[in-house]
Structures are given as structure tokens and as C-alpha cells.
Amino acid sequence: MRFYDAATGDPLLSSQERAQAEAQRADAEAQRADAEAQRADAEARRAGVEARRADVEAQRALAEMEARVNAEAVIVSLRSELEAIRRRDRE
């Protein structure tokens, strides 16, 4: 024997059926939460990789800048020496 909701025509669930339906909804929600946690973990790992990549790039840029500054200092020193040599040769 089965009872139905007079307004909707939907079958009325027994307490056991309601408990099973609620357990299924809870399981589905737990699975969705687990999937979301996994997505969040993956995104955090990707962000960490990107941050490390950015740090490496920043260190490379800094090393290039330091090398450029050192090269410019050498050029200034060599120009100064060249000018001193030219002055001596003129005398």
C-alpha cells in the first residue's frame, strides 16, 4: 500500500525511505565537498609552483641587472684608463 500527496501526486515516503534518501543526499554532498577540496588543493599547488617560478624569474632579472651594472662599471673604468693613456701620449 502506498500513500500519495493529494496536492502534487508524489508518493509519500516511509521513514526508512526518507532516511535512505537523506543518507544518499549526505553522501552526494560529502563527495561534492571532497571534490571541491581536491580542486582547492590542486589550485594551491599550482599557485605554489607559479610563486616559485616568479621567484626564480625575479632572481634571474636581479642577476642580469647586477651583471649589467658591473659591465657598465668596467666600461667606465676602461674609458677612464683609455683617456689617461691618450693624455700621456699627447704629452
PDB file of N, CA and C in Angstrom:
ATOM      1  N   MET A   1       0.838  -1.172   0.000  1.00  0.00           N
ATOM      2  CA  MET A   1       0.000   0.000   0.000  1.00  0.00           C
ATOM      3  C   MET A   1       0.887   1.241   0.000  1.00  0.00           C
ATOM      4  N   ARG A   2       0.482   2.239  -0.725  1.00  0.00           N
ATOM      5  CA  ARG A   2       1.280   3.454  -0.867  1.00  0.00           C
ATOM      6  C   ARG A   2       0.364   4.655  -0.715  1.00  0.00           C
ATOM      7  N   PHE A   3       0.878   5.697   0.002  1.00  0.00           N
ATOM      8  CA  PHE A   3       0.135   6.948   0.153  1.00  0.00           C
ATOM      9  C   PHE A   3       0.756   7.995  -0.772  1.00  0.00           C
ATOM     10  N   TYR A   4      -0.094   8.893  -1.266  1.00  0.00           N
ATOM     11  CA  TYR A   4       0.354   9.940  -2.184  1.00  0.00           C
ATOM     12  C   TYR A   4      -0.072  11.307  -1.662  1.00  0.00           C
ATOM     13  N   ASP A   5       0.724  12.300  -1.990  1.00  0.00           N
ATOM     14  CA  ASP A   5       0.391  13.687  -1.648  1.00  0.00           C
ATOM     15  C   ASP A   5      -0.745  14.120  -2.567  1.00  0.00           C
ATOM     16  N   ALA A   6      -1.837  14.538  -1.990  1.00  0.00           N
ATOM     17  CA  ALA A   6      -3.017  14.893  -2.771  1.00  0.00           C
ATOM     18  C   ALA A   6      -2.756  16.110  -3.656  1.00  0.00           C
ATOM     19  N   ALA A   7      -1.916  17.037  -3.198  1.00  0.00           N
ATOM     20  CA  ALA A   7      -1.669  18.267  -3.964  1.00  0.00           C
ATOM     21  C   ALA A   7      -0.735  18.024  -5.147  1.00  0.00           C
ATOM     22  N   THR A   8       0.297  17.213  -4.955  1.00  0.00           N
ATOM     23  CA  THR A   8       1.310  17.027  -6.003  1.00  0.00           C
ATOM     24  C   THR A   8       1.211  15.692  -6.705  1.00  0.00           C
ATOM     25  N   GLY A   9       0.614  14.741  -6.063  1.00  0.00           N
ATOM     26  CA  GLY A   9       0.560  13.394  -6.633  1.00  0.00           C
ATOM     27  C   GLY A   9       1.824  12.593  -6.384  1.00  0.00           C
ATOM     28  N   ASP A  10       2.787  13.181  -5.680  1.00  0.00           N
ATOM     29  CA  ASP A  10       4.037  12.478  -5.376  1.00  0.00           C
ATOM     30  C   ASP A  10       3.797  11.449  -4.281  1.00  0.00           C
ATOM     31  N   PRO A  11       4.482  10.314  -4.373  1.00  0.00           N
ATOM     32  CA  PRO A  11       4.331   9.313  -3.310  1.00  0.00           C
ATOM     33  C   PRO A  11       4.942   9.826  -2.010  1.00  0.00           C
ATOM     34  N   LEU A  12       4.296   9.520  -0.905  1.00  0.00           N
ATOM     35  CA  LEU A  12       4.830   9.861   0.410  1.00  0.00           C
ATOM     36  C   LEU A  12       5.791   8.754   0.816  1.00  0.00           C
ATOM     37  N   LEU A  13       6.951   9.175   1.292  1.00  0.00           N
ATOM     38  CA  LEU A  13       7.989   8.207   1.650  1.00  0.00           C
ATOM     39  C   LEU A  13       7.822   7.729   3.088  1.00  0.00           C
ATOM     40  N   SER A  14       8.170   6.476   3.277  1.00  0.00           N
ATOM     41  CA  SER A  14       8.177   5.939   4.638  1.00  0.00           C
ATOM     42  C   SER A  14       9.379   6.513   5.362  1.00  0.00           C
ATOM     43  N   SER A  15       9.423   6.346   6.667  1.00  0.00           N
ATOM     44  CA  SER A  15      10.548   6.866   7.443  1.00  0.00           C
ATOM     45  C   SER A  15      11.853   6.215   6.990  1.00  0.00           C
ATOM     46  N   GLN A  16      11.811   4.944   6.653  1.00  0.00           N
ATOM     47  CA  GLN A  16      13.010   4.248   6.167  1.00  0.00           C
ATOM     48  C   GLN A  16      13.433   4.833   4.804  1.00  0.00           C
ATOM     49  N   GLU A  17      12.491   5.076   3.913  1.00  0.00           N
ATOM     50  CA  GLU A  17      12.806   5.648   2.608  1.00  0.00           C
ATOM     51  C   GLU A  17      13.349   7.069   2.753  1.00  0.00           C
ATOM     52  N   ARG A  18      12.758   7.845   3.685  1.00  0.00           N
ATOM     53  CA  ARG A  18      13.254   9.196   3.926  1.00  0.00           C
ATOM     54  C   ARG A  18      14.690   9.155   4.457  1.00  0.00           C
ATOM     55  N   ALA A  19      14.954   8.217   5.354  1.00  0.00           N
ATOM     56  CA  ALA A  19      16.307   8.074   5.915  1.00  0.00           C
ATOM     57  C   ALA A  19      17.303   7.694   4.823  1.00  0.00           C
ATOM     58  N   GLN A  20      16.896   6.778   3.934  1.00  0.00           N
ATOM     59  CA  GLN A  20      17.782   6.389   2.835  1.00  0.00           C
ATOM     60  C   GLN A  20      18.028   7.562   1.885  1.00  0.00           C
ATOM     61  N   ALA A  21      16.987   8.311   1.577  1.00  0.00           N
ATOM     62  CA  ALA A  21      17.137   9.465   0.690  1.00  0.00           C
ATOM     63  C   ALA A  21      18.049  10.509   1.321  1.00  0.00           C
ATOM     64  N   GLU A  22      17.892  10.739   2.604  1.00  0.00           N
ATOM     65  CA  GLU A  22      18.739  11.712   3.300  1.00  0.00           C
ATOM     66  C   GLU A  22      20.192  11.233   3.329  1.00  0.00           C
ATOM     67  N   ALA A  23      20.399   9.933   3.548  1.00  0.00           N
ATOM     68  CA  ALA A  23      21.753   9.381   3.550  1.00  0.00           C
ATOM     69  C   ALA A  23      22.391   9.545   2.170  1.00  0.00           C
ATOM     70  N   GLN A  24      21.611   9.325   1.121  1.00  0.00           N
ATOM     71  CA  GLN A  24      22.127   9.497  -0.240  1.00  0.00           C
ATOM     72  C   GLN A  24      22.483  10.965  -0.508  1.00  0.00           C
ATOM     73  N   ARG A  25      21.634  11.875  -0.057  1.00  0.00           N
ATOM     74  CA  ARG A  25      21.938  13.304  -0.229  1.00  0.00           C
ATOM     75  C   ARG A  25      23.204  13.685   0.546  1.00  0.00           C
ATOM     76  N   ALA A  26      23.326  13.139   1.753  1.00  0.00           N
ATOM     77  CA  ALA A  26      24.509  13.442   2.563  1.00  0.00           C
ATOM     78  C   ALA A  26      25.767  12.891   1.889  1.00  0.00           C
ATOM     79  N   ASP A  27      25.690  11.686   1.340  1.00  0.00           N
ATOM     80  CA  ASP A  27      26.838  11.106   0.632  1.00  0.00           C
ATOM     81  C   ASP A  27      27.206  11.944  -0.585  1.00  0.00           C
ATOM     82  N   ALA A  28      26.196  12.359  -1.339  1.00  0.00           N
ATOM     83  CA  ALA A  28      26.451  13.180  -2.521  1.00  0.00           C
ATOM     84  C   ALA A  28      27.101  14.497  -2.121  1.00  0.00           C
ATOM     85  N   GLU A  29      26.632  15.111  -1.054  1.00  0.00           N
ATOM     86  CA  GLU A  29      27.211  16.373  -0.581  1.00  0.00           C
ATOM     87  C   GLU A  29      28.648  16.164  -0.119  1.00  0.00           C
ATOM     88  N   ALA A  30      28.903  15.051   0.569  1.00  0.00           N
ATOM     89  CA  ALA A  30      30.267  14.749   1.014  1.00  0.00           C
ATOM     90  C   ALA A  30      31.187  14.564  -0.189  1.00  0.00           C
ATOM     91  N   GLN A  31      30.697  13.907  -1.223  1.00  0.00           N
ATOM     92  CA  GLN A  31      31.503  13.723  -2.437  1.00  0.00           C
ATOM     93  C   GLN A  31      31.789  15.066  -3.105  1.00  0.00           C
ATOM     94  N   ARG A  32      30.779  15.932  -3.160  1.00  0.00           N
ATOM     95  CA  ARG A  32      30.993  17.267  -3.734  1.00  0.00           C
ATOM     96  C   ARG A  32      32.021  18.053  -2.912  1.00  0.00           C
ATOM     97  N   ALA A  33      31.921  17.944  -1.599  1.00  0.00           N
ATOM     98  CA  ALA A  33      32.875  18.648  -0.731  1.00  0.00           C
ATOM     99  C   ALA A  33      34.290  18.108  -0.931  1.00  0.00           C
ATOM    100  N   ASP A  34      34.416  16.789  -1.039  1.00  0.00           N
ATOM    101  CA  ASP A  34      35.734  16.185  -1.289  1.00  0.00           C
ATOM    102  C   ASP A  34      36.297  16.652  -2.627  1.00  0.00           C
ATOM    103  N   ALA A  35      35.461  16.671  -3.649  1.00  0.00           N
ATOM    104  CA  ALA A  35      35.915  17.116  -4.971  1.00  0.00           C
ATOM    105  C   ALA A  35      36.359  18.578  -4.908  1.00  0.00           C
ATOM    106  N   GLU A  36      35.617  19.402  -4.205  1.00  0.00           N
ATOM    107  CA  GLU A  36      35.984  20.818  -4.076  1.00  0.00           C
ATOM    108  C   GLU A  36      37.298  20.964  -3.315  1.00  0.00           C
ATOM    109  N   ALA A  37      37.484  20.161  -2.276  1.00  0.00           N
ATOM    110  CA  ALA A  37      38.739  20.204  -1.517  1.00  0.00           C
ATOM    111  C   ALA A  37      39.909  19.789  -2.403  1.00  0.00           C
ATOM    112  N   GLN A  38      39.703  18.780  -3.233  1.00  0.00           N
ATOM    113  CA  GLN A  38      40.767  18.353  -4.150  1.00  0.00           C
ATOM    114  C   GLN A  38      41.087  19.452  -5.159  1.00  0.00           C
ATOM    115  N   ARG A  39      40.044  20.115  -5.673  1.00  0.00           N
ATOM    116  CA  ARG A  39      40.281  21.221  -6.611  1.00  0.00           C
ATOM    117  C   ARG A  39      41.044  22.350  -5.919  1.00  0.00           C
ATOM    118  N   ALA A  40      40.676  22.643  -4.683  1.00  0.00           N
ATOM    119  CA  ALA A  40      41.364  23.704  -3.936  1.00  0.00           C
ATOM    120  C   ALA A  40      42.825  23.331  -3.692  1.00  0.00           C
ATOM    121  N   ASP A  41      43.083  22.071  -3.343  1.00  0.00           N
ATOM    122  CA  ASP A  41      44.462  21.616  -3.142  1.00  0.00           C
ATOM    123  C   ASP A  41      45.268  21.739  -4.434  1.00  0.00           C
ATOM    124  N   ALA A  42      44.667  21.323  -5.544  1.00  0.00           N
ATOM    125  CA  ALA A  42      45.357  21.414  -6.835  1.00  0.00           C
ATOM    126  C   ALA A  42      45.661  22.870  -7.172  1.00  0.00           C
ATOM    127  N   GLU A  43      44.715  23.750  -6.920  1.00  0.00           N
ATOM    128  CA  GLU A  43      44.928  25.172  -7.204  1.00  0.00           C
ATOM    129  C   GLU A  43      46.027  25.738  -6.309  1.00  0.00           C
ATOM    130  N   ALA A  44      46.052  25.317  -5.053  1.00  0.00           N
ATOM    131  CA  ALA A  44      47.103  25.778  -4.139  1.00  0.00           C
ATOM    132  C   ALA A  44      48.471  25.295  -4.617  1.00  0.00           C
ATOM    133  N   ARG A  45      48.541  24.054  -5.098  1.00  0.00           N
ATOM    134  CA  ARG A  45      49.816  23.547  -5.623  1.00  0.00           C
ATOM    135  C   ARG A  45      50.238  24.344  -6.859  1.00  0.00           C
ATOM    136  N   ARG A  46      49.280  24.616  -7.752  1.00  0.00           N
ATOM    137  CA  ARG A  46      49.593  25.406  -8.952  1.00  0.00           C
ATOM    138  C   ARG A  46      50.072  26.805  -8.555  1.00  0.00           C
ATOM    139  N   ALA A  47      49.430  27.393  -7.571  1.00  0.00           N
ATOM    140  CA  ALA A  47      49.830  28.725  -7.113  1.00  0.00           C
ATOM    141  C   ALA A  47      51.238  28.688  -6.520  1.00  0.00           C
ATOM    142  N   GLY A  48      51.540  27.634  -5.783  1.00  0.00           N
ATOM    143  CA  GLY A  48      52.887  27.489  -5.214  1.00  0.00           C
ATOM    144  C   GLY A  48      53.940  27.355  -6.300  1.00  0.00           C
ATOM    145  N   VAL A  49      53.632  26.555  -7.317  1.00  0.00           N
ATOM    146  CA  VAL A  49      54.564  26.402  -8.438  1.00  0.00           C
ATOM    147  C   VAL A  49      54.769  27.736  -9.132  1.00  0.00           C
ATOM    148  N   GLU A  50      53.687  28.456  -9.358  1.00  0.00           N
ATOM    149  CA  GLU A  50      53.777  29.759 -10.027  1.00  0.00           C
ATOM    150  C   GLU A  50      54.570  30.748  -9.183  1.00  0.00           C
ATOM    151  N   ALA A  51      54.383  30.720  -7.874  1.00  0.00           N
ATOM    152  CA  ALA A  51      55.129  31.623  -6.991  1.00  0.00           C
ATOM    153  C   ALA A  51      56.625  31.304  -7.040  1.00  0.00           C
ATOM    154  N   ARG A  52      56.962  30.003  -7.029  1.00  0.00           N
ATOM    155  CA  ARG A  52      58.378  29.622  -7.124  1.00  0.00           C
ATOM    156  C   ARG A  52      58.952  30.053  -8.473  1.00  0.00           C
ATOM    157  N   ARG A  53      58.160  29.880  -9.535  1.00  0.00           N
ATOM    158  CA  ARG A  53      58.602  30.286 -10.871  1.00  0.00           C
ATOM    159  C   ARG A  53      58.842  31.805 -10.903  1.00  0.00           C
ATOM    160  N   ALA A  54      57.956  32.561 -10.283  1.00  0.00           N
ATOM    161  CA  ALA A  54      58.111  34.016 -10.240  1.00  0.00           C
ATOM    162  C   ALA A  54      59.352  34.405  -9.445  1.00  0.00           C
ATOM    163  N   ASP A  55      59.624  33.680  -8.348  1.00  0.00           N
ATOM    164  CA  ASP A  55      60.830  33.956  -7.557  1.00  0.00           C
ATOM    165  C   ASP A  55      62.085  33.706  -8.379  1.00  0.00           C
ATOM    166  N   VAL A  56      62.103  32.612  -9.114  1.00  0.00           N
ATOM    167  CA  VAL A  56      63.261  32.288  -9.957  1.00  0.00           C
ATOM    168  C   VAL A  56      63.440  33.371 -11.012  1.00  0.00           C
ATOM    169  N   GLU A  57      62.347  33.796 -11.625  1.00  0.00           N
ATOM    170  CA  GLU A  57      62.416  34.848 -12.646  1.00  0.00           C
ATOM    171  C   GLU A  57      62.923  36.157 -12.044  1.00  0.00           C
ATOM    172  N   ALA A  58      62.461  36.485 -10.849  1.00  0.00           N
ATOM    173  CA  ALA A  58      62.915  37.710 -10.188  1.00  0.00           C
ATOM    174  C   ALA A  58      64.411  37.631  -9.871  1.00  0.00           C
ATOM    175  N   GLN A  59      64.867  36.469  -9.419  1.00  0.00           N
ATOM    176  CA  GLN A  59      66.294  36.296  -9.124  1.00  0.00           C
ATOM    177  C   GLN A  59      67.128  36.412 -10.401  1.00  0.00           C
ATOM    178  N   ARG A  60      66.609  35.842 -11.509  1.00  0.00           N
ATOM    179  CA  ARG A  60      67.311  35.926 -12.785  1.00  0.00           C
ATOM    180  C   ARG A  60      67.402  37.385 -13.241  1.00  0.00           C
ATOM    181  N   ALA A  61      66.293  38.121 -13.110  1.00  0.00           N
ATOM    182  CA  ALA A  61      66.282  39.530 -13.508  1.00  0.00           C
ATOM    183  C   ALA A  61      67.258  40.332 -12.647  1.00  0.00           C
ATOM    184  N   LEU A  62      67.307  40.046 -11.360  1.00  0.00           N
ATOM    185  CA  LEU A  62      68.227  40.746 -10.473  1.00  0.00           C
ATOM    186  C   LEU A  62      69.675  40.446 -10.853  1.00  0.00           C
ATOM    187  N   ALA A  63      69.970  39.173 -11.153  1.00  0.00           N
ATOM    188  CA  ALA A  63      71.328  38.796 -11.554  1.00  0.00           C
ATOM    189  C   ALA A  63      71.713  39.500 -12.861  1.00  0.00           C
ATOM    190  N   GLU A  64      70.769  39.584 -13.798  1.00  0.00           N
ATOM    191  CA  GLU A  64      71.045  40.288 -15.055  1.00  0.00           C
ATOM    192  C   GLU A  64      71.322  41.763 -14.798  1.00  0.00           C
ATOM    193  N   MET A  65      70.537  42.371 -13.929  1.00  0.00           N
ATOM    194  CA  MET A  65      70.728  43.775 -13.620  1.00  0.00           C
ATOM    195  C   MET A  65      72.092  43.999 -12.960  1.00  0.00           C
ATOM    196  N   GLU A  66      72.461  43.128 -12.025  1.00  0.00           N
ATOM    197  CA  GLU A  66      73.761  43.259 -11.368  1.00  0.00           C
ATOM    198  C   GLU A  66      74.892  43.091 -12.378  1.00  0.00           C
ATOM    199  N   ALA A  67      74.737  42.137 -13.302  1.00  0.00           N
ATOM    200  CA  ALA A  67      75.759  41.931 -14.329  1.00  0.00           C
ATOM    201  C   ALA A  67      75.866  43.164 -15.222  1.00  0.00           C
ATOM    202  N   ARG A  68      74.733  43.765 -15.572  1.00  0.00           N
ATOM    203  CA  ARG A  68      74.736  44.964 -16.413  1.00  0.00           C
ATOM    204  C   ARG A  68      75.422  46.120 -15.691  1.00  0.00           C
ATOM    205  N   VAL A  69      75.105  46.294 -14.406  1.00  0.00           N
ATOM    206  CA  VAL A  69      75.732  47.368 -13.622  1.00  0.00           C
ATOM    207  C   VAL A  69      77.237  47.147 -13.544  1.00  0.00           C
ATOM    208  N   ASN A  70      77.652  45.900 -13.311  1.00  0.00           N
ATOM    209  CA  ASN A  70      79.091  45.600 -13.236  1.00  0.00           C
ATOM    210  C   ASN A  70      79.772  45.854 -14.583  1.00  0.00           C
ATOM    211  N   ALA A  71      79.105  45.456 -15.675  1.00  0.00           N
ATOM    212  CA  ALA A  71      79.676  45.676 -17.006  1.00  0.00           C
ATOM    213  C   ALA A  71      79.805  47.167 -17.284  1.00  0.00           C
ATOM    214  N   GLU A  72      78.794  47.941 -16.900  1.00  0.00           N
ATOM    215  CA  GLU A  72      78.870  49.387 -17.107  1.00  0.00           C
ATOM    216  C   GLU A  72      80.000  50.003 -16.284  1.00  0.00           C
ATOM    217  N   ALA A  73      80.220  49.494 -15.084  1.00  0.00           N
ATOM    218  CA  ALA A  73      81.314  49.998 -14.242  1.00  0.00           C
ATOM    219  C   ALA A  73      82.662  49.677 -14.890  1.00  0.00           C
ATOM    220  N   VAL A  74      82.785  48.500 -15.464  1.00  0.00           N
ATOM    221  CA  VAL A  74      84.026  48.128 -16.160  1.00  0.00           C
ATOM    222  C   VAL A  74      84.231  49.045 -17.363  1.00  0.00           C
ATOM    223  N   ILE A  75      83.174  49.323 -18.110  1.00  0.00           N
ATOM    224  CA  ILE A  75      83.274  50.205 -19.271  1.00  0.00           C
ATOM    225  C   ILE A  75      83.735  51.593 -18.841  1.00  0.00           C
ATOM    226  N   VAL A  76      83.160  52.122 -17.770  1.00  0.00           N
ATOM    227  CA  VAL A  76      83.558  53.446 -17.273  1.00  0.00           C
ATOM    228  C   VAL A  76      85.027  53.427 -16.878  1.00  0.00           C
ATOM    229  N   SER A  77      85.457  52.372 -16.206  1.00  0.00           N
ATOM    230  CA  SER A  77      86.857  52.266 -15.778  1.00  0.00           C
ATOM    231  C   SER A  77      87.791  52.193 -16.987  1.00  0.00           C
ATOM    232  N   LEU A  78      87.415  51.390 -17.978  1.00  0.00           N
ATOM    233  CA  LEU A  78      88.254  51.259 -19.171  1.00  0.00           C
ATOM    234  C   LEU A  78      88.315  52.565 -19.967  1.00  0.00           C
ATOM    235  N   ARG A  79      87.222  53.285 -20.041  1.00  0.00           N
ATOM    236  CA  ARG A  79      87.223  54.578 -20.731  1.00  0.00           C
ATOM    237  C   ARG A  79      88.142  55.564 -20.011  1.00  0.00           C
ATOM    238  N   SER A  80      88.101  55.512 -18.692  1.00  0.00           N
ATOM    239  CA  SER A  80      88.955  56.396 -17.899  1.00  0.00           C
ATOM    240  C   SER A  80      90.419  56.053 -18.161  1.00  0.00           C
ATOM    241  N   GLU A  81      90.750  54.761 -18.172  1.00  0.00           N
ATOM    242  CA  GLU A  81      92.128  54.342 -18.445  1.00  0.00           C
ATOM    243  C   GLU A  81      92.541  54.748 -19.862  1.00  0.00           C
ATOM    244  N   LEU A  82      91.637  54.564 -20.823  1.00  0.00           N
ATOM    245  CA  LEU A  82      91.934  54.941 -22.206  1.00  0.00           C
ATOM    246  C   LEU A  82      92.195  56.440 -22.310  1.00  0.00           C
ATOM    247  N   GLU A  83      91.394  57.225 -21.638  1.00  0.00           N
ATOM    248  CA  GLU A  83      91.589  58.688 -21.656  1.00  0.00           C
ATOM    249  C   GLU A  83      92.922  59.051 -21.020  1.00  0.00           C
ATOM    250  N   ALA A  84      93.286  58.370 -19.944  1.00  0.00           N
ATOM    251  CA  ALA A  84      94.574  58.645 -19.297  1.00  0.00           C
ATOM    252  C   ALA A  84      95.716  58.291 -20.236  1.00  0.00           C
ATOM    253  N   ILE A  85      95.609  57.193 -20.946  1.00  0.00           N
ATOM    254  CA  ILE A  85      96.651  56.785 -21.906  1.00  0.00           C
ATOM    255  C   ILE A  85      96.762  57.816 -23.030  1.00  0.00           C
ATOM    256  N   ARG A  86      95.643  58.273 -23.545  1.00  0.00           N
ATOM    257  CA  ARG A  86      95.645  59.268 -24.620  1.00  0.00           C
ATOM    258  C   ARG A  86      96.286  60.570 -24.160  1.00  0.00           C
ATOM    259  N   ARG A  87      96.028  60.981 -22.920  1.00  0.00           N
ATOM    260  CA  ARG A  87      96.654  62.206 -22.393  1.00  0.00           C
ATOM    261  C   ARG A  87      98.164  62.049 -22.302  1.00  0.00           C
ATOM    262  N   ARG A  88      98.616  60.898 -21.849  1.00  0.00           N
ATOM    263  CA  ARG A  88     100.059  60.656 -21.738  1.00  0.00           C
ATOM    264  C   ARG A  88     100.718  60.661 -23.114  1.00  0.00           C
ATOM    265  N   ASP A  89     100.002  60.085 -24.092  1.00  0.00           N
ATOM    266  CA  ASP A  89     100.557  60.034 -25.450  1.00  0.00           C
ATOM    267  C   ASP A  89     100.650  61.431 -26.051  1.00  0.00           C
ATOM    268  N   ARG A  90      99.784  62.346 -25.694  1.00  0.00           N
ATOM    269  CA  ARG A  90      99.792  63.725 -26.207  1.00  0.00           C
ATOM    270  C   ARG A  90     100.927  64.525 -25.626  1.00  0.00           C
ATOM    271  N   GLU A  91     101.372  64.156 -24.475  1.00  0.00           N
ATOM    272  CA  GLU A  91     102.424  64.935 -23.799  1.00  0.00           C
ATOM    273  C   GLU A  91     103.776  64.647 -24.342  1.00  0.00           C
TER     274      GLU A  91
END
